[in-house]
């Protein structure tokens, strides 16, 4: 297995019960920013029998990636609800159930910096 694939699997395995993360967040935690599609590919290629909480990985907007009503969609929703995650119309509120910066610090030794994601790092009041 490629080292980057192993890091992705480790990042997925580290998502605690009752929490979720987006494909992009997993890529970033694995040291592969902007590689969300790779996370999806690694999940698809994961060997059967590997105990991995795949159901905790969602789209960036909190939606389940499987087509609504499909077997995979129903299974992912069922598993999330069994962990206490609220799923409404195939969507999870990431603000309530997503990973937070304190968890980043605990798992990876760093916290997301204030202003991360802004082009220049300066906030302006509107």
N, C-alpha and C. Protein backbone atom coordinates (compact mmCIF):
# COMPACT_ATOMS: atom_id res chain seq x y z
N UNK A 1 0.85 -1.18 0.00
CA UNK A 1 0.00 0.00 0.00
C UNK A 1 0.89 1.25 0.00
N UNK A 2 0.47 2.24 -0.75
CA UNK A 2 1.22 3.49 -0.81
C UNK A 2 1.13 4.21 0.54
N UNK A 3 2.20 4.90 0.94
CA UNK A 3 2.19 5.60 2.23
C UNK A 3 1.05 6.61 2.37
N UNK A 4 0.71 7.32 1.28
CA UNK A 4 -0.37 8.29 1.39
C UNK A 4 -1.73 7.61 1.59
N UNK A 5 -1.88 6.42 1.03
CA UNK A 5 -3.12 5.67 1.25
C UNK A 5 -3.21 5.22 2.70
N UNK A 6 -2.10 4.80 3.24
CA UNK A 6 -2.07 4.39 4.65
C UNK A 6 -2.42 5.56 5.57
N UNK A 7 -1.90 6.75 5.25
CA UNK A 7 -2.22 7.94 6.06
C UNK A 7 -3.71 8.28 5.99
N UNK A 8 -4.30 8.10 4.82
CA UNK A 8 -5.74 8.33 4.67
C UNK A 8 -6.52 7.35 5.54
N UNK A 9 -6.16 6.09 5.49
CA UNK A 9 -6.86 5.09 6.29
C UNK A 9 -6.70 5.37 7.78
N UNK A 10 -5.52 5.82 8.20
CA UNK A 10 -5.30 6.17 9.60
C UNK A 10 -6.17 7.36 10.01
N UNK A 11 -6.30 8.35 9.13
CA UNK A 11 -7.13 9.52 9.44
C UNK A 11 -8.60 9.12 9.57
N UNK A 12 -9.06 8.23 8.71
CA UNK A 12 -10.44 7.76 8.80
C UNK A 12 -10.64 6.96 10.08
N UNK A 13 -9.71 6.09 10.38
CA UNK A 13 -9.81 5.26 11.58
C UNK A 13 -9.83 6.11 12.85
N UNK A 14 -9.27 7.32 12.78
CA UNK A 14 -9.19 8.19 13.97
C UNK A 14 -10.46 9.01 14.20
N UNK A 15 -11.42 8.96 13.29
CA UNK A 15 -12.67 9.72 13.50
C UNK A 15 -13.42 9.04 14.64
N UNK A 16 -13.69 9.76 15.72
CA UNK A 16 -14.37 9.13 16.86
C UNK A 16 -15.83 8.80 16.57
N UNK A 17 -16.33 7.85 17.29
CA UNK A 17 -17.74 7.47 17.22
C UNK A 17 -18.60 8.71 17.50
N UNK A 18 -19.64 8.89 16.68
CA UNK A 18 -20.53 10.03 16.87
C UNK A 18 -20.06 11.30 16.20
N UNK A 19 -18.96 11.23 15.45
CA UNK A 19 -18.42 12.38 14.73
C UNK A 19 -18.27 12.01 13.26
N UNK A 20 -18.20 13.02 12.41
CA UNK A 20 -18.02 12.80 10.98
C UNK A 20 -16.96 13.76 10.46
N UNK A 21 -16.47 13.48 9.26
CA UNK A 21 -15.51 14.37 8.60
C UNK A 21 -15.76 14.31 7.10
N UNK A 22 -15.42 15.38 6.42
CA UNK A 22 -15.56 15.40 4.96
C UNK A 22 -14.35 14.73 4.31
N UNK A 23 -14.54 14.37 3.05
CA UNK A 23 -13.43 13.78 2.29
C UNK A 23 -12.24 14.74 2.30
N UNK A 24 -12.50 16.03 2.13
CA UNK A 24 -11.42 17.01 2.12
C UNK A 24 -10.73 17.14 3.46
N UNK A 25 -11.50 17.06 4.55
CA UNK A 25 -10.90 17.14 5.89
C UNK A 25 -10.00 15.94 6.14
N UNK A 26 -10.41 14.78 5.67
CA UNK A 26 -9.58 13.58 5.83
C UNK A 26 -8.29 13.74 5.02
N UNK A 27 -8.41 14.24 3.80
CA UNK A 27 -7.21 14.46 2.99
C UNK A 27 -6.25 15.41 3.69
N UNK A 28 -6.77 16.50 4.24
CA UNK A 28 -5.92 17.47 4.93
C UNK A 28 -5.26 16.84 6.15
N UNK A 29 -6.01 16.06 6.91
CA UNK A 29 -5.45 15.42 8.10
C UNK A 29 -4.39 14.37 7.75
N UNK A 30 -4.49 13.85 6.53
CA UNK A 30 -3.50 12.88 6.06
C UNK A 30 -2.30 13.58 5.41
N UNK A 31 -2.30 14.91 5.44
CA UNK A 31 -1.20 15.66 4.85
C UNK A 31 -1.31 15.76 3.34
N UNK A 32 -2.53 15.62 2.82
CA UNK A 32 -2.76 15.65 1.38
C UNK A 32 -3.86 16.66 1.04
N UNK A 33 -3.63 17.94 1.34
CA UNK A 33 -4.68 18.94 1.08
C UNK A 33 -5.10 18.92 -0.38
N UNK A 34 -6.39 19.18 -0.59
CA UNK A 34 -6.98 19.24 -1.93
C UNK A 34 -7.00 17.89 -2.64
N UNK A 35 -6.95 16.81 -1.89
CA UNK A 35 -6.97 15.47 -2.49
C UNK A 35 -8.19 14.68 -2.04
N UNK A 36 -9.33 15.34 -1.92
CA UNK A 36 -10.57 14.69 -1.46
C UNK A 36 -10.94 13.51 -2.34
N UNK A 37 -10.75 13.63 -3.64
CA UNK A 37 -11.10 12.53 -4.55
C UNK A 37 -10.25 11.29 -4.29
N UNK A 38 -9.01 11.51 -3.89
CA UNK A 38 -8.15 10.38 -3.55
C UNK A 38 -8.71 9.63 -2.35
N UNK A 39 -9.26 10.36 -1.38
CA UNK A 39 -9.87 9.73 -0.21
C UNK A 39 -11.02 8.82 -0.66
N UNK A 40 -11.85 9.31 -1.57
CA UNK A 40 -12.94 8.49 -2.10
C UNK A 40 -12.43 7.25 -2.80
N UNK A 41 -11.37 7.40 -3.58
CA UNK A 41 -10.81 6.24 -4.28
C UNK A 41 -10.25 5.22 -3.31
N UNK A 42 -9.53 5.69 -2.30
CA UNK A 42 -8.97 4.78 -1.30
C UNK A 42 -10.09 4.02 -0.58
N UNK A 43 -11.16 4.73 -0.25
CA UNK A 43 -12.30 4.06 0.40
C UNK A 43 -12.90 2.99 -0.51
N UNK A 44 -13.07 3.31 -1.80
CA UNK A 44 -13.63 2.32 -2.74
C UNK A 44 -12.74 1.10 -2.86
N UNK A 45 -11.42 1.30 -2.77
CA UNK A 45 -10.46 0.21 -2.97
C UNK A 45 -10.08 -0.51 -1.68
N UNK A 46 -10.68 -0.12 -0.57
CA UNK A 46 -10.35 -0.74 0.72
C UNK A 46 -10.73 -2.21 0.69
N UNK A 47 -9.83 -3.09 1.11
CA UNK A 47 -10.13 -4.52 1.09
C UNK A 47 -11.28 -4.87 2.04
N UNK A 48 -12.06 -5.87 1.64
CA UNK A 48 -13.12 -6.36 2.51
C UNK A 48 -12.52 -6.86 3.81
N UNK A 49 -13.28 -6.69 4.88
CA UNK A 49 -12.83 -7.19 6.18
C UNK A 49 -12.02 -6.19 6.99
N UNK A 50 -11.63 -5.07 6.37
CA UNK A 50 -10.89 -4.05 7.11
C UNK A 50 -11.88 -3.28 7.97
N UNK A 51 -11.65 -3.26 9.27
CA UNK A 51 -12.56 -2.58 10.19
C UNK A 51 -12.28 -1.09 10.14
N UNK A 52 -13.03 -0.39 9.32
CA UNK A 52 -12.81 1.04 9.09
C UNK A 52 -14.15 1.76 9.18
N UNK A 53 -14.23 2.87 9.91
CA UNK A 53 -15.50 3.59 10.03
C UNK A 53 -15.79 4.45 8.79
N UNK A 54 -15.91 3.81 7.66
CA UNK A 54 -16.14 4.49 6.38
C UNK A 54 -17.38 5.37 6.41
N UNK A 55 -18.35 4.97 7.20
CA UNK A 55 -19.63 5.68 7.24
C UNK A 55 -19.51 7.08 7.84
N UNK A 56 -18.40 7.39 8.49
CA UNK A 56 -18.20 8.70 9.11
C UNK A 56 -17.63 9.73 8.14
N UNK A 57 -17.43 9.35 6.88
CA UNK A 57 -16.88 10.26 5.87
C UNK A 57 -18.01 10.73 4.95
N UNK A 58 -18.15 12.06 4.83
CA UNK A 58 -19.24 12.67 4.07
C UNK A 58 -18.72 13.69 3.08
N UNK A 59 -19.61 14.18 2.24
CA UNK A 59 -19.25 15.27 1.33
C UNK A 59 -19.00 16.54 2.14
N UNK A 60 -18.40 17.52 1.52
CA UNK A 60 -18.04 18.78 2.20
C UNK A 60 -19.25 19.50 2.77
N UNK A 61 -20.42 19.30 2.18
CA UNK A 61 -21.63 19.96 2.67
C UNK A 61 -22.39 19.10 3.69
N UNK A 62 -21.80 17.98 4.09
CA UNK A 62 -22.41 17.12 5.09
C UNK A 62 -23.34 16.06 4.53
N UNK A 63 -23.45 15.97 3.20
CA UNK A 63 -24.33 14.98 2.60
C UNK A 63 -23.64 13.64 2.44
N UNK A 64 -24.44 12.59 2.52
CA UNK A 64 -23.99 11.24 2.21
C UNK A 64 -23.71 11.20 0.71
N UNK A 65 -22.60 10.58 0.31
CA UNK A 65 -22.20 10.59 -1.10
C UNK A 65 -22.95 9.57 -1.94
N UNK A 66 -23.50 8.54 -1.33
CA UNK A 66 -24.25 7.53 -2.10
C UNK A 66 -25.54 8.14 -2.63
N UNK A 67 -26.04 7.63 -3.75
CA UNK A 67 -27.32 8.13 -4.27
C UNK A 67 -28.44 7.89 -3.25
N UNK A 68 -29.30 8.89 -3.04
CA UNK A 68 -30.40 8.73 -2.09
C UNK A 68 -31.24 7.49 -2.39
N UNK A 69 -31.54 6.75 -1.34
CA UNK A 69 -32.35 5.55 -1.47
C UNK A 69 -31.58 4.29 -1.82
N UNK A 70 -30.31 4.43 -2.19
CA UNK A 70 -29.51 3.25 -2.54
C UNK A 70 -29.18 2.45 -1.27
N UNK A 71 -28.75 1.24 -1.47
CA UNK A 71 -28.38 0.37 -0.34
C UNK A 71 -27.27 1.02 0.50
N UNK A 72 -26.24 1.56 -0.17
CA UNK A 72 -25.14 2.22 0.54
C UNK A 72 -25.60 3.43 1.33
N UNK A 73 -26.51 4.21 0.74
CA UNK A 73 -27.07 5.38 1.40
C UNK A 73 -27.79 4.97 2.68
N UNK A 74 -28.65 3.98 2.57
CA UNK A 74 -29.41 3.52 3.74
C UNK A 74 -28.48 2.95 4.81
N UNK A 75 -27.47 2.20 4.41
CA UNK A 75 -26.53 1.61 5.37
C UNK A 75 -25.73 2.70 6.09
N UNK A 76 -25.25 3.70 5.35
CA UNK A 76 -24.47 4.76 5.97
C UNK A 76 -25.33 5.55 6.95
N UNK A 77 -26.54 5.89 6.56
CA UNK A 77 -27.45 6.61 7.46
C UNK A 77 -27.74 5.78 8.71
N UNK A 78 -27.98 4.49 8.53
CA UNK A 78 -28.27 3.61 9.66
C UNK A 78 -27.10 3.58 10.64
N UNK A 79 -25.90 3.42 10.12
CA UNK A 79 -24.70 3.37 10.98
C UNK A 79 -24.49 4.68 11.73
N UNK A 80 -24.66 5.79 11.03
CA UNK A 80 -24.48 7.09 11.68
C UNK A 80 -25.52 7.29 12.79
N UNK A 81 -26.76 6.99 12.51
CA UNK A 81 -27.81 7.14 13.53
C UNK A 81 -27.55 6.24 14.73
N UNK A 82 -27.02 5.04 14.49
CA UNK A 82 -26.70 4.12 15.59
C UNK A 82 -25.64 4.71 16.52
N UNK A 83 -24.84 5.64 16.00
CA UNK A 83 -23.81 6.31 16.80
C UNK A 83 -24.29 7.63 17.39
N UNK A 84 -25.56 7.94 17.19
CA UNK A 84 -26.11 9.17 17.73
C UNK A 84 -25.98 10.38 16.84
N UNK A 85 -25.55 10.18 15.60
CA UNK A 85 -25.42 11.29 14.65
C UNK A 85 -26.79 11.54 14.02
N UNK A 86 -27.21 12.78 14.03
CA UNK A 86 -28.50 13.15 13.46
C UNK A 86 -28.36 13.30 11.95
N UNK A 87 -29.12 12.49 11.22
CA UNK A 87 -29.11 12.54 9.75
C UNK A 87 -30.50 12.93 9.29
N UNK A 88 -30.59 14.04 8.57
CA UNK A 88 -31.87 14.51 8.04
C UNK A 88 -31.76 14.64 6.54
N UNK A 89 -32.61 13.91 5.84
CA UNK A 89 -32.62 13.94 4.37
C UNK A 89 -31.23 13.68 3.80
N UNK A 90 -30.50 12.76 4.42
CA UNK A 90 -29.18 12.39 3.93
C UNK A 90 -28.08 13.38 4.23
N UNK A 91 -28.33 14.29 5.16
CA UNK A 91 -27.36 15.33 5.48
C UNK A 91 -27.11 15.38 6.99
N UNK A 92 -25.87 15.64 7.35
CA UNK A 92 -25.45 15.78 8.75
C UNK A 92 -24.97 17.21 8.95
N UNK A 93 -25.36 17.81 10.05
CA UNK A 93 -24.89 19.17 10.38
C UNK A 93 -23.44 19.07 10.85
N UNK A 94 -22.52 19.47 10.00
CA UNK A 94 -21.10 19.38 10.34
C UNK A 94 -20.75 20.27 11.53
N UNK A 95 -21.48 21.36 11.70
CA UNK A 95 -21.23 22.24 12.85
C UNK A 95 -21.49 21.51 14.16
N UNK A 96 -22.39 20.55 14.14
CA UNK A 96 -22.73 19.81 15.36
C UNK A 96 -21.96 18.50 15.50
N UNK A 97 -21.70 17.82 14.39
CA UNK A 97 -21.11 16.48 14.46
C UNK A 97 -19.75 16.36 13.78
N UNK A 98 -19.27 17.44 13.17
CA UNK A 98 -17.97 17.38 12.51
C UNK A 98 -16.82 17.45 13.50
N UNK A 99 -15.64 17.17 13.00
CA UNK A 99 -14.44 17.27 13.83
C UNK A 99 -14.15 18.73 14.13
N UNK A 100 -13.52 19.00 15.25
CA UNK A 100 -13.22 20.38 15.61
C UNK A 100 -11.71 20.58 15.79
N UNK A 101 -11.25 21.83 15.86
CA UNK A 101 -9.82 22.10 15.97
C UNK A 101 -9.17 21.48 17.20
N UNK A 102 -9.90 21.38 18.31
CA UNK A 102 -9.31 20.76 19.49
C UNK A 102 -9.01 19.29 19.24
N UNK A 103 -9.84 18.64 18.46
CA UNK A 103 -9.59 17.25 18.12
C UNK A 103 -8.35 17.14 17.23
N UNK A 104 -8.19 18.11 16.30
CA UNK A 104 -6.97 18.13 15.50
C UNK A 104 -5.74 18.17 16.39
N UNK A 105 -5.77 19.02 17.40
CA UNK A 105 -4.63 19.14 18.30
C UNK A 105 -4.39 17.82 19.03
N UNK A 106 -5.45 17.20 19.51
CA UNK A 106 -5.30 15.96 20.27
C UNK A 106 -4.77 14.82 19.40
N UNK A 107 -5.25 14.74 18.15
CA UNK A 107 -4.86 13.63 17.28
C UNK A 107 -3.54 13.86 16.56
N UNK A 108 -3.33 15.10 16.09
CA UNK A 108 -2.23 15.35 15.18
C UNK A 108 -1.18 16.31 15.71
N UNK A 109 -1.42 16.91 16.88
CA UNK A 109 -0.42 17.77 17.47
C UNK A 109 -0.47 19.21 16.99
N UNK A 110 -1.52 19.60 16.27
CA UNK A 110 -1.65 20.98 15.84
C UNK A 110 -3.13 21.33 15.80
N UNK A 111 -3.39 22.60 15.84
CA UNK A 111 -4.77 23.09 15.74
C UNK A 111 -4.91 23.88 14.46
N UNK A 112 -6.10 23.91 13.93
CA UNK A 112 -6.36 24.73 12.77
C UNK A 112 -6.19 26.19 13.17
N UNK A 113 -5.46 26.94 12.40
CA UNK A 113 -5.17 28.32 12.75
C UNK A 113 -6.36 29.21 12.46
N UNK A 114 -6.54 30.20 13.31
CA UNK A 114 -7.60 31.19 13.07
C UNK A 114 -7.33 31.85 11.73
N UNK A 115 -8.37 32.02 10.96
CA UNK A 115 -8.22 32.64 9.65
C UNK A 115 -7.80 31.68 8.57
N UNK A 116 -7.62 30.41 8.90
CA UNK A 116 -7.23 29.44 7.88
C UNK A 116 -8.31 29.41 6.80
N UNK A 117 -7.88 29.41 5.57
CA UNK A 117 -8.82 29.35 4.47
C UNK A 117 -9.11 30.72 3.86
N UNK A 118 -8.73 31.78 4.53
CA UNK A 118 -8.89 33.11 3.96
C UNK A 118 -7.69 33.41 3.07
N UNK A 119 -7.92 34.10 2.02
CA UNK A 119 -6.84 34.37 1.07
C UNK A 119 -5.70 35.14 1.70
N UNK A 120 -6.01 36.17 2.47
CA UNK A 120 -4.93 36.99 3.03
C UNK A 120 -4.85 36.90 4.55
N UNK A 121 -5.75 36.15 5.16
CA UNK A 121 -5.72 35.98 6.60
C UNK A 121 -6.30 37.13 7.38
N UNK A 122 -6.74 38.19 6.71
CA UNK A 122 -7.30 39.35 7.39
C UNK A 122 -8.81 39.31 7.36
N UNK A 123 -9.41 39.47 8.49
CA UNK A 123 -10.87 39.52 8.55
C UNK A 123 -11.33 40.96 8.41
N UNK A 124 -12.39 41.15 7.72
CA UNK A 124 -12.95 42.49 7.60
C UNK A 124 -14.40 42.46 8.04
N UNK A 125 -14.79 43.48 8.76
CA UNK A 125 -16.19 43.57 9.20
C UNK A 125 -17.04 44.03 8.03
N UNK A 126 -18.25 43.52 7.94
CA UNK A 126 -19.16 43.92 6.87
C UNK A 126 -20.44 44.38 7.45
